[in-house]
Amino acid sequence: MNGTPEHTPAYKIFHYYIECMIPASFAYESQQAMLGTTQYESPDKEESASKEMVSRQHTVAELIEYHRRGATIILRNPDDAIKIYGWLRDHLAEARHRVQFGVNVGNLPMDDLHDMDEFATMVYRIARNYERVDERQSLMGRKLDDMFSRRLLRRRRPSEEDMQSAEERPAKEHASIIEDISTTAIERGLKFK
């Protein structure tokens, strides 16, 4: 037995911490509510202090809430964007599957799912730049596959996509899952929160 079971994407979204930077006005809002805000002599200094980026650790769910409220979020490790996007994509896909095929679905948190989908779109823009794809390996894999298969008898012409380098290829965009969820939920007559 491995020792630690694999966590679900929902668990990772609500319990795994990501190192990031957020504005001080968002980072210290609970302390400010309790103790009050610091007053500066100059309004410029007060504004710059509230916009100062502070290094923190937050769950993805907390980052989604900050993003919904308009905070600027900087990931300390851009490779985390790949993990975050994978968790959000898998969680939204599970939600879509539950809405499409579930028997006792209950009330759907559509606002939360919509916020997750928006955050996934934003994170995808970062993740696609840091995703490691070894073009040579995939090309070599295709060549070996062609060499050892029966398709060798009928040569395939390279497509235009094969001829383009990785920089010239158009970047793929995040496919919104929330539209499928809401359409299916309306068709099935499910209730929203």
N, C-alpha and C. Protein backbone atom coordinates (compact mmCIF):
# COMPACT_ATOMS: atom_id res chain seq x y z
N MET A 1 0.84 -1.17 0.00
CA MET A 1 0.00 0.00 0.00
C MET A 1 0.89 1.24 0.00
N ASN A 2 0.47 2.25 -0.67
CA ASN A 2 1.29 3.42 -0.93
C ASN A 2 1.41 4.35 0.28
N GLY A 3 0.45 4.41 1.16
CA GLY A 3 0.54 5.28 2.32
C GLY A 3 -0.38 6.48 2.23
N THR A 4 -0.32 7.24 1.14
CA THR A 4 -1.20 8.38 0.98
C THR A 4 -2.10 8.14 -0.22
N PRO A 5 -3.41 8.20 0.00
CA PRO A 5 -4.32 8.00 -1.13
C PRO A 5 -4.31 9.22 -2.05
N GLU A 6 -4.64 9.00 -3.30
CA GLU A 6 -4.72 10.09 -4.27
C GLU A 6 -5.93 10.96 -3.93
N HIS A 7 -5.72 12.26 -3.80
CA HIS A 7 -6.82 13.16 -3.49
C HIS A 7 -7.57 13.55 -4.76
N THR A 8 -8.83 13.87 -4.60
CA THR A 8 -9.65 14.31 -5.73
C THR A 8 -9.27 15.73 -6.11
N PRO A 9 -9.62 16.16 -7.33
CA PRO A 9 -9.35 17.55 -7.71
C PRO A 9 -10.04 18.55 -6.78
N ALA A 10 -11.24 18.23 -6.32
CA ALA A 10 -11.95 19.14 -5.40
C ALA A 10 -11.18 19.30 -4.10
N TYR A 11 -10.64 18.20 -3.59
CA TYR A 11 -9.85 18.26 -2.36
C TYR A 11 -8.62 19.13 -2.57
N LYS A 12 -7.95 18.96 -3.71
CA LYS A 12 -6.75 19.75 -4.00
C LYS A 12 -7.07 21.23 -4.10
N ILE A 13 -8.21 21.57 -4.71
CA ILE A 13 -8.62 22.97 -4.87
C ILE A 13 -8.85 23.62 -3.51
N PHE A 14 -9.42 22.89 -2.56
CA PHE A 14 -9.79 23.47 -1.28
C PHE A 14 -8.76 23.25 -0.16
N HIS A 15 -7.74 22.38 -0.38
CA HIS A 15 -6.83 22.06 0.71
C HIS A 15 -5.34 22.20 0.38
N TYR A 16 -4.94 22.20 -0.87
CA TYR A 16 -3.53 22.33 -1.22
C TYR A 16 -3.19 23.82 -1.32
N TYR A 17 -2.06 24.19 -0.75
CA TYR A 17 -1.65 25.60 -0.74
C TYR A 17 -0.67 25.88 -1.88
N ILE A 18 -0.84 27.06 -2.47
CA ILE A 18 -0.01 27.53 -3.58
C ILE A 18 0.68 28.81 -3.11
N GLU A 19 1.98 28.90 -3.35
CA GLU A 19 2.71 30.11 -2.99
C GLU A 19 2.47 31.16 -4.06
N CYS A 20 2.03 32.34 -3.63
CA CYS A 20 1.67 33.40 -4.58
C CYS A 20 1.91 34.76 -3.94
N MET A 21 1.66 35.78 -4.73
CA MET A 21 1.73 37.15 -4.24
C MET A 21 0.40 37.83 -4.56
N ILE A 22 -0.15 38.53 -3.56
CA ILE A 22 -1.40 39.27 -3.74
C ILE A 22 -1.21 40.67 -3.15
N PRO A 23 -2.07 41.63 -3.53
CA PRO A 23 -1.93 42.98 -2.97
C PRO A 23 -2.13 42.98 -1.46
N ALA A 24 -1.43 43.86 -0.79
CA ALA A 24 -1.50 43.97 0.68
C ALA A 24 -2.91 44.27 1.15
N SER A 25 -3.66 45.01 0.37
CA SER A 25 -5.03 45.35 0.78
C SER A 25 -5.89 44.09 0.91
N PHE A 26 -5.63 43.06 0.10
CA PHE A 26 -6.35 41.80 0.20
C PHE A 26 -5.72 40.89 1.26
N ALA A 27 -4.40 40.94 1.37
CA ALA A 27 -3.69 40.04 2.28
C ALA A 27 -3.99 40.35 3.74
N TYR A 28 -4.14 41.61 4.06
CA TYR A 28 -4.30 42.00 5.46
C TYR A 28 -5.70 42.51 5.78
N GLU A 29 -6.71 42.15 5.01
CA GLU A 29 -8.03 42.72 5.23
C GLU A 29 -8.67 42.26 6.55
N SER A 30 -8.39 41.03 7.00
CA SER A 30 -8.97 40.60 8.28
C SER A 30 -8.32 41.36 9.43
N GLN A 31 -7.00 41.59 9.36
CA GLN A 31 -6.32 42.38 10.39
C GLN A 31 -6.81 43.83 10.36
N GLN A 32 -7.03 44.36 9.16
CA GLN A 32 -7.50 45.74 9.06
C GLN A 32 -8.91 45.88 9.62
N ALA A 33 -9.74 44.86 9.42
CA ALA A 33 -11.10 44.92 9.96
C ALA A 33 -11.07 44.90 11.49
N MET A 34 -10.11 44.17 12.06
CA MET A 34 -10.03 44.04 13.50
C MET A 34 -9.31 45.23 14.14
N LEU A 35 -8.20 45.66 13.55
CA LEU A 35 -7.36 46.67 14.16
C LEU A 35 -7.49 48.06 13.55
N GLY A 36 -8.10 48.14 12.39
CA GLY A 36 -8.20 49.41 11.68
C GLY A 36 -7.08 49.55 10.67
N THR A 37 -7.19 50.53 9.80
CA THR A 37 -6.20 50.71 8.75
C THR A 37 -5.17 51.74 9.17
N THR A 38 -3.99 51.63 8.62
CA THR A 38 -2.93 52.58 8.89
C THR A 38 -3.18 53.85 8.09
N GLN A 39 -3.03 55.00 8.75
CA GLN A 39 -3.21 56.27 8.08
C GLN A 39 -1.84 56.85 7.73
N TYR A 40 -1.69 57.25 6.47
CA TYR A 40 -0.44 57.86 6.01
C TYR A 40 -0.66 59.34 5.79
N GLU A 41 0.43 60.10 5.85
CA GLU A 41 0.32 61.54 5.61
C GLU A 41 -0.03 61.83 4.17
N SER A 42 0.53 61.06 3.27
CA SER A 42 0.33 61.29 1.85
C SER A 42 -0.65 60.25 1.28
N PRO A 43 -1.65 60.70 0.52
CA PRO A 43 -2.57 59.72 -0.10
C PRO A 43 -1.86 58.82 -1.11
N ASP A 44 -0.78 59.32 -1.74
CA ASP A 44 -0.03 58.50 -2.69
C ASP A 44 0.64 57.33 -1.98
N LYS A 45 1.18 57.59 -0.80
CA LYS A 45 1.84 56.54 -0.03
C LYS A 45 0.82 55.50 0.44
N GLU A 46 -0.36 55.95 0.82
CA GLU A 46 -1.41 55.03 1.26
C GLU A 46 -1.85 54.13 0.11
N GLU A 47 -1.98 54.70 -1.08
CA GLU A 47 -2.38 53.91 -2.24
C GLU A 47 -1.29 52.92 -2.64
N SER A 48 -0.03 53.36 -2.61
CA SER A 48 1.06 52.45 -2.99
C SER A 48 1.21 51.33 -1.96
N ALA A 49 0.97 51.62 -0.69
CA ALA A 49 1.06 50.58 0.35
C ALA A 49 -0.03 49.53 0.17
N SER A 50 -1.21 49.96 -0.25
CA SER A 50 -2.30 48.99 -0.43
C SER A 50 -2.09 48.13 -1.67
N LYS A 51 -1.34 48.64 -2.65
CA LYS A 51 -1.09 47.88 -3.88
C LYS A 51 0.18 47.04 -3.81
N GLU A 52 0.96 47.21 -2.75
CA GLU A 52 2.20 46.45 -2.61
C GLU A 52 1.88 44.96 -2.59
N MET A 53 2.66 44.18 -3.35
CA MET A 53 2.44 42.75 -3.44
C MET A 53 3.10 42.03 -2.27
N VAL A 54 2.34 41.14 -1.64
CA VAL A 54 2.79 40.43 -0.45
C VAL A 54 2.81 38.94 -0.76
N SER A 55 3.88 38.28 -0.36
CA SER A 55 4.01 36.84 -0.60
C SER A 55 3.21 36.07 0.45
N ARG A 56 2.33 35.17 -0.02
CA ARG A 56 1.47 34.40 0.86
C ARG A 56 1.28 33.00 0.29
N GLN A 57 0.64 32.14 1.07
CA GLN A 57 0.22 30.84 0.59
C GLN A 57 -1.30 30.76 0.74
N HIS A 58 -1.96 30.41 -0.36
CA HIS A 58 -3.42 30.31 -0.36
C HIS A 58 -3.85 29.07 -1.10
N THR A 59 -5.05 28.60 -0.78
CA THR A 59 -5.62 27.50 -1.55
C THR A 59 -6.13 28.07 -2.87
N VAL A 60 -6.39 27.21 -3.82
CA VAL A 60 -6.91 27.65 -5.11
C VAL A 60 -8.29 28.29 -4.91
N ALA A 61 -9.08 27.75 -4.00
CA ALA A 61 -10.41 28.32 -3.74
C ALA A 61 -10.29 29.76 -3.25
N GLU A 62 -9.31 30.04 -2.40
CA GLU A 62 -9.10 31.40 -1.94
C GLU A 62 -8.62 32.30 -3.08
N LEU A 63 -7.75 31.77 -3.94
CA LEU A 63 -7.29 32.56 -5.09
C LEU A 63 -8.44 32.88 -6.03
N ILE A 64 -9.36 31.93 -6.20
CA ILE A 64 -10.53 32.18 -7.05
C ILE A 64 -11.36 33.32 -6.47
N GLU A 65 -11.52 33.32 -5.16
CA GLU A 65 -12.28 34.40 -4.50
C GLU A 65 -11.58 35.75 -4.68
N TYR A 66 -10.25 35.78 -4.50
CA TYR A 66 -9.51 37.03 -4.71
C TYR A 66 -9.63 37.49 -6.17
N HIS A 67 -9.55 36.55 -7.10
CA HIS A 67 -9.67 36.89 -8.52
C HIS A 67 -11.06 37.46 -8.81
N ARG A 68 -12.08 36.86 -8.22
CA ARG A 68 -13.45 37.33 -8.43
C ARG A 68 -13.60 38.76 -7.92
N ARG A 69 -12.91 39.09 -6.85
CA ARG A 69 -12.99 40.42 -6.26
C ARG A 69 -12.05 41.42 -6.92
N GLY A 70 -11.27 40.98 -7.91
CA GLY A 70 -10.45 41.90 -8.69
C GLY A 70 -9.00 42.01 -8.27
N ALA A 71 -8.51 41.10 -7.46
CA ALA A 71 -7.12 41.16 -7.01
C ALA A 71 -6.17 40.68 -8.11
N THR A 72 -5.00 41.28 -8.15
CA THR A 72 -3.94 40.81 -9.02
C THR A 72 -3.24 39.67 -8.31
N ILE A 73 -3.06 38.55 -9.00
CA ILE A 73 -2.44 37.37 -8.38
C ILE A 73 -1.21 37.01 -9.20
N ILE A 74 -0.08 36.84 -8.52
CA ILE A 74 1.16 36.42 -9.16
C ILE A 74 1.57 35.09 -8.53
N LEU A 75 1.73 34.07 -9.33
CA LEU A 75 2.20 32.79 -8.84
C LEU A 75 3.72 32.83 -8.70
N ARG A 76 4.23 32.43 -7.53
CA ARG A 76 5.69 32.45 -7.32
C ARG A 76 6.38 31.44 -8.22
N ASN A 77 5.74 30.30 -8.45
CA ASN A 77 6.27 29.27 -9.34
C ASN A 77 5.28 29.12 -10.50
N PRO A 78 5.61 29.63 -11.69
CA PRO A 78 4.67 29.56 -12.80
C PRO A 78 4.27 28.13 -13.20
N ASP A 79 5.11 27.14 -12.84
CA ASP A 79 4.75 25.75 -13.13
C ASP A 79 3.52 25.33 -12.33
N ASP A 80 3.22 26.02 -11.23
CA ASP A 80 2.01 25.72 -10.47
C ASP A 80 0.75 25.97 -11.30
N ALA A 81 0.84 26.85 -12.27
CA ALA A 81 -0.31 27.13 -13.13
C ALA A 81 -0.77 25.87 -13.86
N ILE A 82 0.17 25.01 -14.23
CA ILE A 82 -0.17 23.77 -14.92
C ILE A 82 -0.97 22.87 -13.98
N LYS A 83 -0.51 22.75 -12.72
CA LYS A 83 -1.22 21.93 -11.74
C LYS A 83 -2.60 22.50 -11.45
N ILE A 84 -2.66 23.82 -11.21
CA ILE A 84 -3.93 24.46 -10.89
C ILE A 84 -4.93 24.28 -12.01
N TYR A 85 -4.47 24.50 -13.26
CA TYR A 85 -5.37 24.34 -14.40
C TYR A 85 -5.87 22.90 -14.49
N GLY A 86 -4.99 21.94 -14.27
CA GLY A 86 -5.40 20.53 -14.31
C GLY A 86 -6.45 20.21 -13.26
N TRP A 87 -6.25 20.73 -12.04
CA TRP A 87 -7.23 20.49 -10.98
C TRP A 87 -8.58 21.10 -11.33
N LEU A 88 -8.56 22.35 -11.81
CA LEU A 88 -9.81 23.03 -12.15
C LEU A 88 -10.51 22.35 -13.31
N ARG A 89 -9.74 21.98 -14.34
CA ARG A 89 -10.32 21.31 -15.50
C ARG A 89 -10.96 19.98 -15.09
N ASP A 90 -10.25 19.20 -14.27
CA ASP A 90 -10.78 17.91 -13.84
C ASP A 90 -12.01 18.08 -12.95
N HIS A 91 -11.98 19.08 -12.06
CA HIS A 91 -13.13 19.32 -11.19
C HIS A 91 -14.36 19.75 -12.00
N LEU A 92 -14.16 20.64 -12.96
CA LEU A 92 -15.28 21.07 -13.79
C LEU A 92 -15.79 19.93 -14.66
N ALA A 93 -14.89 19.08 -15.15
CA ALA A 93 -15.31 17.92 -15.94
C ALA A 93 -16.12 16.94 -15.09
N GLU A 94 -15.70 16.76 -13.83
CA GLU A 94 -16.48 15.91 -12.92
C GLU A 94 -17.85 16.52 -12.65
N ALA A 95 -17.91 17.83 -12.49
CA ALA A 95 -19.19 18.50 -12.27
C ALA A 95 -20.10 18.33 -13.48
N ARG A 96 -19.52 18.46 -14.68
CA ARG A 96 -20.30 18.27 -15.90
C ARG A 96 -20.84 16.84 -15.97
N HIS A 97 -19.99 15.88 -15.65
CA HIS A 97 -20.40 14.47 -15.68
C HIS A 97 -21.52 14.22 -14.66
N ARG A 98 -21.39 14.82 -13.48
CA ARG A 98 -22.41 14.65 -12.45
C ARG A 98 -23.74 15.27 -12.88
N VAL A 99 -23.67 16.43 -13.54
CA VAL A 99 -24.90 17.08 -14.02
C VAL A 99 -25.53 16.27 -15.15
N GLN A 100 -24.71 15.74 -16.04
CA GLN A 100 -25.24 15.00 -17.18
C GLN A 100 -25.82 13.65 -16.79
N PHE A 101 -25.15 12.94 -15.88
CA PHE A 101 -25.53 11.56 -15.60
C PHE A 101 -25.95 11.30 -14.16
N GLY A 102 -25.86 12.29 -13.30
CA GLY A 102 -26.18 12.10 -11.90
C GLY A 102 -27.68 11.93 -11.67
N VAL A 103 -28.02 11.14 -10.67
CA VAL A 103 -29.43 10.90 -10.37
C VAL A 103 -29.93 11.90 -9.34
N ASN A 104 -29.20 12.08 -8.27
CA ASN A 104 -29.61 12.97 -7.19
C ASN A 104 -28.60 14.11 -7.09
N VAL A 105 -28.68 15.06 -7.99
CA VAL A 105 -27.65 16.10 -8.11
C VAL A 105 -27.75 17.15 -7.02
N GLY A 106 -28.93 17.56 -6.63
CA GLY A 106 -29.10 18.61 -5.63
C GLY A 106 -28.95 19.98 -6.25
N ASN A 107 -28.76 21.00 -5.41
CA ASN A 107 -28.59 22.37 -5.90
C ASN A 107 -27.18 22.56 -6.42
N LEU A 108 -27.08 23.16 -7.59
CA LEU A 108 -25.78 23.40 -8.21
C LEU A 108 -25.23 24.76 -7.81
N PRO A 109 -23.97 24.83 -7.39
CA PRO A 109 -23.36 26.13 -7.09
C PRO A 109 -22.85 26.79 -8.39
N MET A 110 -23.76 27.24 -9.23
CA MET A 110 -23.40 27.75 -10.56
C MET A 110 -22.47 28.95 -10.49
N ASP A 111 -22.69 29.85 -9.51
CA ASP A 111 -21.80 31.01 -9.40
C ASP A 111 -20.37 30.58 -9.11
N ASP A 112 -20.23 29.62 -8.20
CA ASP A 112 -18.89 29.12 -7.86
C ASP A 112 -18.24 28.41 -9.05
N LEU A 113 -19.02 27.60 -9.76
CA LEU A 113 -18.49 26.91 -10.94
C LEU A 113 -18.10 27.90 -12.03
N HIS A 114 -18.90 28.95 -12.18
CA HIS A 114 -18.59 30.00 -13.17
C HIS A 114 -17.29 30.71 -12.79
N ASP A 115 -17.12 31.03 -11.50
CA ASP A 115 -15.88 31.68 -11.05
C ASP A 115 -14.67 30.76 -11.27
N MET A 116 -14.85 29.46 -11.03
CA MET A 116 -13.77 28.49 -11.28
C MET A 116 -13.40 28.45 -12.75
N ASP A 117 -14.41 28.48 -13.61
CA ASP A 117 -14.15 28.43 -15.04
C ASP A 117 -13.43 29.70 -15.51
N GLU A 118 -13.83 30.85 -14.99
CA GLU A 118 -13.13 32.10 -15.33
C GLU A 118 -11.68 32.08 -14.87
N PHE A 119 -11.46 31.57 -13.65
CA PHE A 119 -10.10 31.49 -13.12
C PHE A 119 -9.28 30.48 -13.92
N ALA A 120 -9.91 29.38 -14.34
CA ALA A 120 -9.22 28.39 -15.17
C ALA A 120 -8.78 29.01 -16.49
N THR A 121 -9.62 29.86 -17.06
CA THR A 121 -9.27 30.54 -18.31
C THR A 121 -8.05 31.43 -18.09
N MET A 122 -8.02 32.16 -16.97
CA MET A 122 -6.89 33.04 -16.68
C MET A 122 -5.62 32.24 -16.43
N VAL A 123 -5.73 31.16 -15.66
CA VAL A 123 -4.57 30.34 -15.34
C VAL A 123 -4.06 29.62 -16.58
N TYR A 124 -4.96 29.25 -17.49
CA TYR A 124 -4.55 28.56 -18.71
C TYR A 124 -3.60 29.42 -19.54
N ARG A 125 -3.82 30.72 -19.56
CA ARG A 125 -2.95 31.61 -20.32
C ARG A 125 -1.51 31.55 -19.82
N ILE A 126 -1.35 31.29 -18.53
CA ILE A 126 -0.01 31.14 -17.97
C ILE A 126 0.49 29.72 -18.21
N ALA A 127 -0.36 28.75 -17.96
CA ALA A 127 0.04 27.34 -18.04
C ALA A 127 0.50 26.94 -19.43
N ARG A 128 -0.15 27.46 -20.45
CA ARG A 128 0.23 27.04 -21.80
C ARG A 128 1.64 27.49 -22.18
N ASN A 129 2.14 28.54 -21.51
CA ASN A 129 3.50 29.00 -21.78
C ASN A 129 4.56 28.19 -21.05
N TYR A 130 4.16 27.49 -20.00
CA TYR A 130 5.12 26.73 -19.21
C TYR A 130 4.96 25.23 -19.35
N GLU A 131 3.98 24.80 -20.12
CA GLU A 131 3.79 23.37 -20.32
C GLU A 131 4.95 22.83 -21.13
N ARG A 132 5.53 21.77 -20.64
CA ARG A 132 6.70 21.21 -21.30
C ARG A 132 6.26 20.18 -22.33
N VAL A 133 6.49 20.52 -23.57
CA VAL A 133 6.20 19.60 -24.66
C VAL A 133 7.49 19.44 -25.45
N ASP A 134 7.99 18.23 -25.51
CA ASP A 134 9.21 17.95 -26.25
C ASP A 134 8.82 17.61 -27.69
N GLU A 135 8.98 18.57 -28.58
CA GLU A 135 8.58 18.38 -29.97
C GLU A 135 9.36 17.25 -30.63
N ARG A 136 10.63 17.14 -30.29
CA ARG A 136 11.43 16.08 -30.91
C ARG A 136 10.94 14.70 -30.50
N GLN A 137 10.59 14.56 -29.24
CA GLN A 137 10.13 13.26 -28.77
C GLN A 137 8.82 12.88 -29.45
N SER A 138 7.90 13.81 -29.56
CA SER A 138 6.64 13.47 -30.21
C SER A 138 6.85 13.20 -31.70
N LEU A 139 7.76 13.93 -32.32
CA LEU A 139 8.07 13.68 -33.73
C LEU A 139 8.74 12.32 -33.87
N MET A 140 9.68 12.02 -32.96
CA MET A 140 10.36 10.73 -33.01
C MET A 140 9.36 9.60 -32.76
N GLY A 141 8.45 9.80 -31.83
CA GLY A 141 7.43 8.80 -31.56
C GLY A 141 6.58 8.53 -32.78
N ARG A 142 6.23 9.59 -33.49
CA ARG A 142 5.43 9.40 -34.72
C ARG A 142 6.23 8.67 -35.78
N LYS A 143 7.50 9.01 -35.92
CA LYS A 143 8.34 8.35 -36.93
C LYS A 143 8.50 6.86 -36.61
N LEU A 144 8.75 6.55 -35.33
CA LEU A 144 8.87 5.14 -34.94
C LEU A 144 7.56 4.40 -35.13
N ASP A 145 6.47 5.07 -34.80
CA ASP A 145 5.16 4.46 -35.00
C ASP A 145 4.93 4.18 -36.48
N ASP A 146 5.29 5.15 -37.33
CA ASP A 146 5.15 4.95 -38.78
C ASP A 146 6.06 3.82 -39.27
N MET A 147 7.26 3.75 -38.72
CA MET A 147 8.23 2.78 -39.19
C MET A 147 7.81 1.34 -38.84
N PHE A 148 7.23 1.15 -37.67
CA PHE A 148 6.89 -0.19 -37.23
C PHE A 148 5.41 -0.55 -37.43
N SER A 149 4.69 0.24 -38.14
CA SER A 149 3.29 -0.09 -38.37
C SER A 149 3.05 -0.40 -39.84
N ARG A 150 1.89 -0.89 -40.12
CA ARG A 150 1.55 -1.22 -41.51
C ARG A 150 1.25 0.02 -42.33
N ARG A 151 1.10 1.13 -41.63
CA ARG A 151 0.83 2.36 -42.36
C ARG A 151 2.02 2.81 -43.18
N LEU A 152 3.15 2.14 -43.02
CA LEU A 152 4.34 2.50 -43.77
C LEU A 152 4.10 2.35 -45.28
N LEU A 153 3.22 1.45 -45.66
CA LEU A 153 2.95 1.23 -47.08
C LEU A 153 2.27 2.44 -47.72
N ARG A 154 1.46 3.12 -46.99
CA ARG A 154 0.83 4.32 -47.56
C ARG A 154 1.34 5.53 -46.78
N ARG A 155 2.23 6.22 -47.40
CA ARG A 155 2.85 7.37 -46.73
C ARG A 155 1.85 8.50 -46.58
N ARG A 156 1.91 9.09 -45.47
CA ARG A 156 1.02 10.21 -45.21
C ARG A 156 1.76 11.50 -45.50
N ARG A 157 1.07 12.39 -46.14
CA ARG A 157 1.65 13.71 -46.39
C ARG A 157 1.63 14.50 -45.09
N PRO A 158 2.68 15.24 -44.82
CA PRO A 158 2.66 16.05 -43.60
C PRO A 158 1.60 17.14 -43.71
N SER A 159 0.86 17.31 -42.64
CA SER A 159 -0.16 18.36 -42.63
C SER A 159 0.51 19.73 -42.43
N GLU A 160 -0.27 20.77 -42.60
CA GLU A 160 0.28 22.11 -42.41
C GLU A 160 0.72 22.30 -40.96
N GLU A 161 0.01 21.69 -40.02
CA GLU A 161 0.38 21.81 -38.61
C GLU A 161 1.72 21.14 -38.35
N ASP A 162 2.00 20.02 -39.03
CA ASP A 162 3.29 19.35 -38.87
C ASP A 162 4.43 20.22 -39.39
N MET A 163 4.15 20.99 -40.41
CA MET A 163 5.18 21.81 -41.04
C MET A 163 5.51 23.07 -40.22
N GLN A 164 4.59 23.51 -39.38
CA GLN A 164 4.81 24.71 -38.60
C GLN A 164 5.65 24.39 -37.37
N SER A 165 6.48 25.34 -36.99
CA SER A 165 7.24 25.16 -35.75
C SER A 165 6.32 25.45 -34.57
N ALA A 166 6.77 25.15 -33.37
CA ALA A 166 5.94 25.34 -32.18
C ALA A 166 5.57 26.81 -31.98
N GLU A 167 6.49 27.73 -32.33
CA GLU A 167 6.20 29.15 -32.15
C GLU A 167 5.15 29.65 -33.13
N GLU A 168 5.11 29.04 -34.33
CA GLU A 168 4.18 29.51 -35.36
C GLU A 168 2.77 28.96 -35.16
N ARG A 169 2.64 27.87 -34.40
CA ARG A 169 1.32 27.27 -34.22
C ARG A 169 0.44 28.19 -33.39
N PRO A 170 -0.82 28.29 -33.76
CA PRO A 170 -1.71 29.10 -32.93
C PRO A 170 -1.92 28.42 -31.57
N ALA A 171 -1.89 29.22 -30.51
CA ALA A 171 -2.07 28.66 -29.17
C ALA A 171 -3.52 28.23 -29.00
N LYS A 172 -3.70 27.04 -28.44
CA LYS A 172 -5.04 26.55 -28.17
C LYS A 172 -5.60 27.29 -26.97
N GLU A 173 -6.89 27.49 -26.96
CA GLU A 173 -7.54 28.20 -25.87
C GLU A 173 -8.25 27.23 -24.95
N HIS A 174 -8.54 27.68 -23.75
CA HIS A 174 -9.28 26.91 -22.77
C HIS A 174 -10.72 26.76 -23.26
N ALA A 175 -11.21 25.55 -23.31
CA ALA A 175 -12.60 25.30 -23.71
C ALA A 175 -13.47 25.41 -22.46
N SER A 176 -14.38 26.36 -22.47
CA SER A 176 -15.24 26.60 -21.32
C SER A 176 -16.17 25.42 -21.09
N ILE A 177 -16.16 24.91 -19.87
CA ILE A 177 -17.00 23.77 -19.51
C ILE A 177 -18.30 24.25 -18.89
N ILE A 178 -18.31 25.45 -18.35
CA ILE A 178 -19.48 25.95 -17.63
C ILE A 178 -20.70 26.07 -18.55
N GLU A 179 -20.47 26.33 -19.83
CA GLU A 179 -21.60 26.42 -20.77
C GLU A 179 -22.30 25.07 -20.90
N ASP A 180 -21.52 23.99 -20.98
CA ASP A 180 -22.11 22.65 -21.03
C ASP A 180 -22.89 22.34 -19.76
N ILE A 181 -22.32 22.71 -18.62
CA ILE A 181 -22.96 22.43 -17.34
C ILE A 181 -24.29 23.18 -17.24
N SER A 182 -24.27 24.47 -17.55
CA SER A 182 -25.51 25.26 -17.42
C SER A 182 -26.57 24.82 -18.41
N THR A 183 -26.18 24.51 -19.64
CA THR A 183 -27.14 24.05 -20.64
C THR A 183 -27.78 22.74 -20.21
N THR A 184 -26.97 21.80 -19.75
CA THR A 184 -27.49 20.51 -19.30
C THR A 184 -28.36 20.67 -18.07
N ALA A 185 -27.95 21.54 -17.14
CA ALA A 185 -28.72 21.75 -15.93
C ALA A 185 -30.09 22.34 -16.25
N ILE A 186 -30.15 23.26 -17.20
CA ILE A 186 -31.43 23.85 -17.59
C ILE A 186 -32.30 22.81 -18.29
N GLU A 187 -31.70 22.02 -19.17
CA GLU A 187 -32.46 20.97 -19.86
C GLU A 187 -33.04 19.95 -18.89
N ARG A 188 -32.28 19.61 -17.85
CA ARG A 188 -32.73 18.61 -16.88
C ARG A 188 -33.60 19.22 -15.79
N GLY A 189 -33.74 20.54 -15.76
CA GLY A 189 -34.57 21.21 -14.76
C GLY A 189 -33.97 21.19 -13.37
N LEU A 190 -32.62 21.24 -13.28
CA LEU A 190 -31.96 21.22 -11.98
C LEU A 190 -31.98 22.60 -11.35
N LYS A 191 -31.89 22.63 -10.03
CA LYS A 191 -31.92 23.89 -9.30
C LYS A 191 -30.51 24.42 -9.10
N PHE A 192 -30.42 25.76 -9.06
CA PHE A 192 -29.15 26.44 -8.83
C PHE A 192 -29.14 27.03 -7.44
N LYS A 193 -27.94 27.19 -6.89
CA LYS A 193 -27.79 27.91 -5.62
C LYS A 193 -27.67 29.37 -5.92
